[in-house]
Amino acid sequence: MWQTLPGGRARHILLSMAALLRDELHIVVVECDNGIWEWEICRKGEPLPARMRDGPFGSEEVALAAAKSHSASF
């Protein structure tokens, strides 16, 4: 049997779960080859099962800036 939670309570639970997950997600910037850099979202130091990454970038600084602008969305 399903039980419906009041809107405020459901929102609180979702926000709490999002905060816990956010604390476990980290962006890692790595050099791939020949000065090519990428960033990837990891959980507890491991890539996610559905890998989330972006690149190539020409420098570590540019990859990190791109990762930071992306991380604002989660």
PDB file of N, CA and C in Angstrom:
ATOM      1  N   MET A   1       0.845  -1.183   0.000  1.00  0.00           N
ATOM      2  CA  MET A   1       0.000   0.000   0.000  1.00  0.00           C
ATOM      3  C   MET A   1       0.886   1.239   0.000  1.00  0.00           C
ATOM      4  N   TRP A   2       0.550   2.190  -0.863  1.00  0.00           N
ATOM      5  CA  TRP A   2       1.296   3.440  -0.957  1.00  0.00           C
ATOM      6  C   TRP A   2       0.709   4.463  -0.017  1.00  0.00           C
ATOM      7  N   GLN A   3       1.580   5.277   0.540  1.00  0.00           N
ATOM      8  CA  GLN A   3       1.119   6.339   1.417  1.00  0.00           C
ATOM      9  C   GLN A   3       1.622   7.661   0.855  1.00  0.00           C
ATOM     10  N   THR A   4       0.765   8.640   0.800  1.00  0.00           N
ATOM     11  CA  THR A   4       1.129   9.954   0.288  1.00  0.00           C
ATOM     12  C   THR A   4       1.579  10.834   1.447  1.00  0.00           C
ATOM     13  N   LEU A   5       2.726  11.475   1.262  1.00  0.00           N
ATOM     14  CA  LEU A   5       3.229  12.391   2.276  1.00  0.00           C
ATOM     15  C   LEU A   5       2.738  13.798   1.969  1.00  0.00           C
ATOM     16  N   PRO A   6       2.548  14.610   3.004  1.00  0.00           N
ATOM     17  CA  PRO A   6       2.214  16.009   2.755  1.00  0.00           C
ATOM     18  C   PRO A   6       3.324  16.663   1.932  1.00  0.00           C
ATOM     19  N   GLY A   7       2.970  17.626   1.094  1.00  0.00           N
ATOM     20  CA  GLY A   7       3.932  18.263   0.194  1.00  0.00           C
ATOM     21  C   GLY A   7       5.190  18.764   0.884  1.00  0.00           C
ATOM     22  N   GLY A   8       5.060  19.409   2.014  1.00  0.00           N
ATOM     23  CA  GLY A   8       6.226  19.936   2.721  1.00  0.00           C
ATOM     24  C   GLY A   8       7.143  18.828   3.219  1.00  0.00           C
ATOM     25  N   ARG A   9       6.561  17.759   3.685  1.00  0.00           N
ATOM     26  CA  ARG A   9       7.358  16.629   4.201  1.00  0.00           C
ATOM     27  C   ARG A   9       8.101  15.931   3.069  1.00  0.00           C
ATOM     28  N   ALA A  10       7.422  15.715   1.938  1.00  0.00           N
ATOM     29  CA  ALA A  10       8.071  15.069   0.793  1.00  0.00           C
ATOM     30  C   ALA A  10       9.225  15.931   0.286  1.00  0.00           C
ATOM     31  N   ARG A  11       9.022  17.228   0.217  1.00  0.00           N
ATOM     32  CA  ARG A  11      10.086  18.139  -0.240  1.00  0.00           C
ATOM     33  C   ARG A  11      11.287  18.075   0.705  1.00  0.00           C
ATOM     34  N   HIS A  12      11.022  18.044   2.005  1.00  0.00           N
ATOM     35  CA  HIS A  12      12.103  17.975   2.990  1.00  0.00           C
ATOM     36  C   HIS A  12      12.917  16.687   2.814  1.00  0.00           C
ATOM     37  N   ILE A  13      12.239  15.579   2.591  1.00  0.00           N
ATOM     38  CA  ILE A  13      12.927  14.300   2.398  1.00  0.00           C
ATOM     39  C   ILE A  13      13.778  14.345   1.134  1.00  0.00           C
ATOM     40  N   LEU A  14      13.220  14.876   0.048  1.00  0.00           N
ATOM     41  CA  LEU A  14      13.973  14.957  -1.202  1.00  0.00           C
ATOM     42  C   LEU A  14      15.186  15.859  -1.064  1.00  0.00           C
ATOM     43  N   LEU A  15      15.042  16.990  -0.398  1.00  0.00           N
ATOM     44  CA  LEU A  15      16.175  17.891  -0.201  1.00  0.00           C
ATOM     45  C   LEU A  15      17.250  17.246   0.669  1.00  0.00           C
ATOM     46  N   SER A  16      16.837  16.505   1.685  1.00  0.00           N
ATOM     47  CA  SER A  16      17.803  15.807   2.537  1.00  0.00           C
ATOM     48  C   SER A  16      18.559  14.747   1.751  1.00  0.00           C
ATOM     49  N   MET A  17      17.846  14.003   0.909  1.00  0.00           N
ATOM     50  CA  MET A  17      18.500  12.984   0.091  1.00  0.00           C
ATOM     51  C   MET A  17      19.464  13.633  -0.908  1.00  0.00           C
ATOM     52  N   ALA A  18      19.068  14.750  -1.497  1.00  0.00           N
ATOM     53  CA  ALA A  18      19.926  15.456  -2.449  1.00  0.00           C
ATOM     54  C   ALA A  18      21.192  15.947  -1.753  1.00  0.00           C
ATOM     55  N   ALA A  19      21.070  16.442  -0.528  1.00  0.00           N
ATOM     56  CA  ALA A  19      22.239  16.913   0.212  1.00  0.00           C
ATOM     57  C   ALA A  19      23.197  15.762   0.513  1.00  0.00           C
ATOM     58  N   LEU A  20      22.663  14.612   0.884  1.00  0.00           N
ATOM     59  CA  LEU A  20      23.518  13.448   1.151  1.00  0.00           C
ATOM     60  C   LEU A  20      24.256  13.016  -0.114  1.00  0.00           C
ATOM     61  N   LEU A  21      23.547  12.965  -1.221  1.00  0.00           N
ATOM     62  CA  LEU A  21      24.162  12.557  -2.473  1.00  0.00           C
ATOM     63  C   LEU A  21      25.203  13.574  -2.917  1.00  0.00           C
ATOM     64  N   ARG A  22      24.896  14.855  -2.769  1.00  0.00           N
ATOM     65  CA  ARG A  22      25.835  15.910  -3.159  1.00  0.00           C
ATOM     66  C   ARG A  22      27.139  15.779  -2.374  1.00  0.00           C
ATOM     67  N   ASP A  23      27.055  15.386  -1.114  1.00  0.00           N
ATOM     68  CA  ASP A  23      28.257  15.219  -0.299  1.00  0.00           C
ATOM     69  C   ASP A  23      29.106  14.039  -0.772  1.00  0.00           C
ATOM     70  N   GLU A  24      28.515  13.096  -1.500  1.00  0.00           N
ATOM     71  CA  GLU A  24      29.250  11.928  -1.977  1.00  0.00           C
ATOM     72  C   GLU A  24      29.806  12.113  -3.385  1.00  0.00           C
ATOM     73  N   LEU A  25      29.321  13.108  -4.123  1.00  0.00           N
ATOM     74  CA  LEU A  25      29.767  13.321  -5.495  1.00  0.00           C
ATOM     75  C   LEU A  25      30.922  14.310  -5.533  1.00  0.00           C
ATOM     76  N   HIS A  26      31.914  13.997  -6.345  1.00  0.00           N
ATOM     77  CA  HIS A  26      33.081  14.856  -6.479  1.00  0.00           C
ATOM     78  C   HIS A  26      33.475  14.922  -7.947  1.00  0.00           C
ATOM     79  N   ILE A  27      34.042  16.048  -8.325  1.00  0.00           N
ATOM     80  CA  ILE A  27      34.543  16.192  -9.687  1.00  0.00           C
ATOM     81  C   ILE A  27      36.044  15.959  -9.668  1.00  0.00           C
ATOM     82  N   VAL A  28      36.487  15.116 -10.571  1.00  0.00           N
ATOM     83  CA  VAL A  28      37.895  14.789 -10.696  1.00  0.00           C
ATOM     84  C   VAL A  28      38.366  15.267 -12.069  1.00  0.00           C
ATOM     85  N   VAL A  29      39.470  16.010 -12.094  1.00  0.00           N
ATOM     86  CA  VAL A  29      40.064  16.478 -13.346  1.00  0.00           C
ATOM     87  C   VAL A  29      41.310  15.633 -13.598  1.00  0.00           C
ATOM     88  N   VAL A  30      41.388  15.051 -14.800  1.00  0.00           N
ATOM     89  CA  VAL A  30      42.520  14.171 -15.113  1.00  0.00           C
ATOM     90  C   VAL A  30      43.133  14.535 -16.463  1.00  0.00           C
ATOM     91  N   GLU A  31      44.441  14.301 -16.559  1.00  0.00           N
ATOM     92  CA  GLU A  31      45.131  14.454 -17.835  1.00  0.00           C
ATOM     93  C   GLU A  31      45.051  13.118 -18.568  1.00  0.00           C
ATOM     94  N   CYS A  32      44.524  13.144 -19.776  1.00  0.00           N
ATOM     95  CA  CYS A  32      44.325  11.903 -20.528  1.00  0.00           C
ATOM     96  C   CYS A  32      45.566  11.547 -21.340  1.00  0.00           C
ATOM     97  N   ASP A  33      45.987  12.453 -22.189  1.00  0.00           N
ATOM     98  CA  ASP A  33      47.133  12.165 -23.048  1.00  0.00           C
ATOM     99  C   ASP A  33      47.530  13.441 -23.788  1.00  0.00           C
ATOM    100  N   ASN A  34      48.797  13.638 -23.986  1.00  0.00           N
ATOM    101  CA  ASN A  34      49.309  14.762 -24.785  1.00  0.00           C
ATOM    102  C   ASN A  34      48.732  16.111 -24.381  1.00  0.00           C
ATOM    103  N   GLY A  35      48.613  16.357 -23.097  1.00  0.00           N
ATOM    104  CA  GLY A  35      48.117  17.650 -22.624  1.00  0.00           C
ATOM    105  C   GLY A  35      46.622  17.829 -22.757  1.00  0.00           C
ATOM    106  N   ILE A  36      45.883  16.763 -22.963  1.00  0.00           N
ATOM    107  CA  ILE A  36      44.423  16.818 -23.042  1.00  0.00           C
ATOM    108  C   ILE A  36      43.862  16.513 -21.654  1.00  0.00           C
ATOM    109  N   TRP A  37      42.944  17.349 -21.201  1.00  0.00           N
ATOM    110  CA  TRP A  37      42.365  17.212 -19.866  1.00  0.00           C
ATOM    111  C   TRP A  37      40.865  16.980 -19.960  1.00  0.00           C
ATOM    112  N   GLU A  38      40.313  16.218 -19.029  1.00  0.00           N
ATOM    113  CA  GLU A  38      38.881  15.955 -18.907  1.00  0.00           C
ATOM    114  C   GLU A  38      38.488  16.037 -17.441  1.00  0.00           C
ATOM    115  N   TRP A  39      37.210  16.276 -17.196  1.00  0.00           N
ATOM    116  CA  TRP A  39      36.688  16.156 -15.832  1.00  0.00           C
ATOM    117  C   TRP A  39      35.634  15.062 -15.831  1.00  0.00           C
ATOM    118  N   GLU A  40      35.456  14.471 -14.658  1.00  0.00           N
ATOM    119  CA  GLU A  40      34.476  13.395 -14.499  1.00  0.00           C
ATOM    120  C   GLU A  40      33.871  13.472 -13.104  1.00  0.00           C
ATOM    121  N   ILE A  41      32.577  13.172 -13.015  1.00  0.00           N
ATOM    122  CA  ILE A  41      31.907  13.131 -11.717  1.00  0.00           C
ATOM    123  C   ILE A  41      32.091  11.730 -11.144  1.00  0.00           C
ATOM    124  N   CYS A  42      32.585  11.679  -9.909  1.00  0.00           N
ATOM    125  CA  CYS A  42      32.827  10.400  -9.233  1.00  0.00           C
ATOM    126  C   CYS A  42      32.064  10.366  -7.915  1.00  0.00           C
ATOM    127  N   ARG A  43      31.830   9.166  -7.447  1.00  0.00           N
ATOM    128  CA  ARG A  43      31.199   8.947  -6.144  1.00  0.00           C
ATOM    129  C   ARG A  43      32.129   8.067  -5.339  1.00  0.00           C
ATOM    130  N   LYS A  44      32.546   8.576  -4.198  1.00  0.00           N
ATOM    131  CA  LYS A  44      33.479   7.854  -3.331  1.00  0.00           C
ATOM    132  C   LYS A  44      34.735   7.433  -4.100  1.00  0.00           C
ATOM    133  N   GLY A  45      35.206   8.314  -4.965  1.00  0.00           N
ATOM    134  CA  GLY A  45      36.448   8.064  -5.699  1.00  0.00           C
ATOM    135  C   GLY A  45      36.315   7.169  -6.915  1.00  0.00           C
ATOM    136  N   GLU A  46      35.131   6.675  -7.188  1.00  0.00           N
ATOM    137  CA  GLU A  46      34.906   5.772  -8.323  1.00  0.00           C
ATOM    138  C   GLU A  46      33.987   6.438  -9.343  1.00  0.00           C
ATOM    139  N   PRO A  47      34.222   6.204 -10.640  1.00  0.00           N
ATOM    140  CA  PRO A  47      33.308   6.739 -11.645  1.00  0.00           C
ATOM    141  C   PRO A  47      31.894   6.198 -11.446  1.00  0.00           C
ATOM    142  N   LEU A  48      30.909   6.986 -11.824  1.00  0.00           N
ATOM    143  CA  LEU A  48      29.515   6.541 -11.744  1.00  0.00           C
ATOM    144  C   LEU A  48      29.273   5.427 -12.753  1.00  0.00           C
ATOM    145  N   PRO A  49      28.300   4.560 -12.506  1.00  0.00           N
ATOM    146  CA  PRO A  49      27.998   3.496 -13.472  1.00  0.00           C
ATOM    147  C   PRO A  49      27.689   4.051 -14.861  1.00  0.00           C
ATOM    148  N   ALA A  50      26.923   5.138 -14.916  1.00  0.00           N
ATOM    149  CA  ALA A  50      26.710   5.854 -16.176  1.00  0.00           C
ATOM    150  C   ALA A  50      27.662   7.043 -16.117  1.00  0.00           C
ATOM    151  N   ARG A  51      28.819   6.908 -16.749  1.00  0.00           N
ATOM    152  CA  ARG A  51      29.888   7.888 -16.586  1.00  0.00           C
ATOM    153  C   ARG A  51      29.461   9.265 -17.073  1.00  0.00           C
ATOM    154  N   MET A  52      29.780  10.260 -16.260  1.00  0.00           N
ATOM    155  CA  MET A  52      29.474  11.652 -16.576  1.00  0.00           C
ATOM    156  C   MET A  52      30.794  12.394 -16.650  1.00  0.00           C
ATOM    157  N   ARG A  53      31.170  12.780 -17.874  1.00  0.00           N
ATOM    158  CA  ARG A  53      32.455  13.444 -18.078  1.00  0.00           C
ATOM    159  C   ARG A  53      32.351  14.415 -19.233  1.00  0.00           C
ATOM    160  N   ASP A  54      33.350  15.286 -19.334  1.00  0.00           N
ATOM    161  CA  ASP A  54      33.401  16.232 -20.437  1.00  0.00           C
ATOM    162  C   ASP A  54      34.855  16.537 -20.768  1.00  0.00           C
ATOM    163  N   GLY A  55      35.092  16.879 -21.976  1.00  0.00           N
ATOM    164  CA  GLY A  55      36.411  17.218 -22.471  1.00  0.00           C
ATOM    165  C   GLY A  55      36.409  17.016 -23.967  1.00  0.00           C
ATOM    166  N   PRO A  56      37.451  17.212 -24.642  1.00  0.00           N
ATOM    167  CA  PRO A  56      38.785  17.545 -24.131  1.00  0.00           C
ATOM    168  C   PRO A  56      38.936  19.043 -23.887  1.00  0.00           C
ATOM    169  N   PHE A  57      39.820  19.346 -22.953  1.00  0.00           N
ATOM    170  CA  PHE A  57      40.196  20.720 -22.654  1.00  0.00           C
ATOM    171  C   PHE A  57      41.698  20.833 -22.807  1.00  0.00           C
ATOM    172  N   GLY A  58      42.166  22.028 -23.142  1.00  0.00           N
ATOM    173  CA  GLY A  58      43.582  22.239 -23.420  1.00  0.00           C
ATOM    174  C   GLY A  58      44.455  22.405 -22.196  1.00  0.00           C
ATOM    175  N   SER A  59      43.847  22.618 -21.033  1.00  0.00           N
ATOM    176  CA  SER A  59      44.649  22.766 -19.817  1.00  0.00           C
ATOM    177  C   SER A  59      43.845  22.314 -18.606  1.00  0.00           C
ATOM    178  N   GLU A  60      44.560  22.065 -17.531  1.00  0.00           N
ATOM    179  CA  GLU A  60      43.908  21.657 -16.285  1.00  0.00           C
ATOM    180  C   GLU A  60      43.003  22.774 -15.768  1.00  0.00           C
ATOM    181  N   GLU A  61      43.466  24.015 -15.883  1.00  0.00           N
ATOM    182  CA  GLU A  61      42.696  25.152 -15.382  1.00  0.00           C
ATOM    183  C   GLU A  61      41.366  25.297 -16.121  1.00  0.00           C
ATOM    184  N   VAL A  62      41.395  25.130 -17.445  1.00  0.00           N
ATOM    185  CA  VAL A  62      40.167  25.246 -18.233  1.00  0.00           C
ATOM    186  C   VAL A  62      39.210  24.099 -17.905  1.00  0.00           C
ATOM    187  N   ALA A  63      39.735  22.896 -17.753  1.00  0.00           N
ATOM    188  CA  ALA A  63      38.891  21.744 -17.391  1.00  0.00           C
ATOM    189  C   ALA A  63      38.269  21.955 -16.018  1.00  0.00           C
ATOM    190  N   LEU A  64      39.038  22.467 -15.074  1.00  0.00           N
ATOM    191  CA  LEU A  64      38.520  22.706 -13.726  1.00  0.00           C
ATOM    192  C   LEU A  64      37.443  23.784 -13.739  1.00  0.00           C
ATOM    193  N   ALA A  65      37.654  24.860 -14.511  1.00  0.00           N
ATOM    194  CA  ALA A  65      36.644  25.917 -14.609  1.00  0.00           C
ATOM    195  C   ALA A  65      35.355  25.374 -15.221  1.00  0.00           C
ATOM    196  N   ALA A  66      35.470  24.557 -16.251  1.00  0.00           N
ATOM    197  CA  ALA A  66      34.292  23.957 -16.883  1.00  0.00           C
ATOM    198  C   ALA A  66      33.580  23.026 -15.910  1.00  0.00           C
ATOM    199  N   ALA A  67      34.335  22.262 -15.142  1.00  0.00           N
ATOM    200  CA  ALA A  67      33.744  21.348 -14.160  1.00  0.00           C
ATOM    201  C   ALA A  67      33.007  22.137 -13.081  1.00  0.00           C
ATOM    202  N   LYS A  68      33.603  23.228 -12.617  1.00  0.00           N
ATOM    203  CA  LYS A  68      32.952  24.031 -11.572  1.00  0.00           C
ATOM    204  C   LYS A  68      31.672  24.646 -12.074  1.00  0.00           C
ATOM    205  N   SER A  69      31.654  25.108 -13.319  1.00  0.00           N
ATOM    206  CA  SER A  69      30.414  25.703 -13.835  1.00  0.00           C
ATOM    207  C   SER A  69      29.344  24.635 -13.999  1.00  0.00           C
ATOM    208  N   HIS A  70      29.739  23.414 -14.326  1.00  0.00           N
ATOM    209  CA  HIS A  70      28.780  22.315 -14.445  1.00  0.00           C
ATOM    210  C   HIS A  70      28.283  21.853 -13.078  1.00  0.00           C
ATOM    211  N   SER A  71      29.161  21.838 -12.097  1.00  0.00           N
ATOM    212  CA  SER A  71      28.791  21.305 -10.783  1.00  0.00           C
ATOM    213  C   SER A  71      27.771  22.187 -10.064  1.00  0.00           C
ATOM    214  N   ALA A  72      27.623  23.414 -10.489  1.00  0.00           N
ATOM    215  CA  ALA A  72      26.622  24.273  -9.863  1.00  0.00           C
ATOM    216  C   ALA A  72      25.213  23.749 -10.098  1.00  0.00           C
ATOM    217  N   SER A  73      25.061  22.884 -11.110  1.00  0.00           N
ATOM    218  CA  SER A  73      23.728  22.365 -11.411  1.00  0.00           C
ATOM    219  C   SER A  73      23.345  21.147 -10.572  1.00  0.00           C
ATOM    220  N   PHE A  74      24.284  20.602  -9.791  1.00  0.00           N
ATOM    221  CA  PHE A  74      23.895  19.484  -8.930  1.00  0.00           C
ATOM    222  C   PHE A  74      24.258  19.749  -7.508  1.00  0.00           C
TER     223      PHE A  74
END
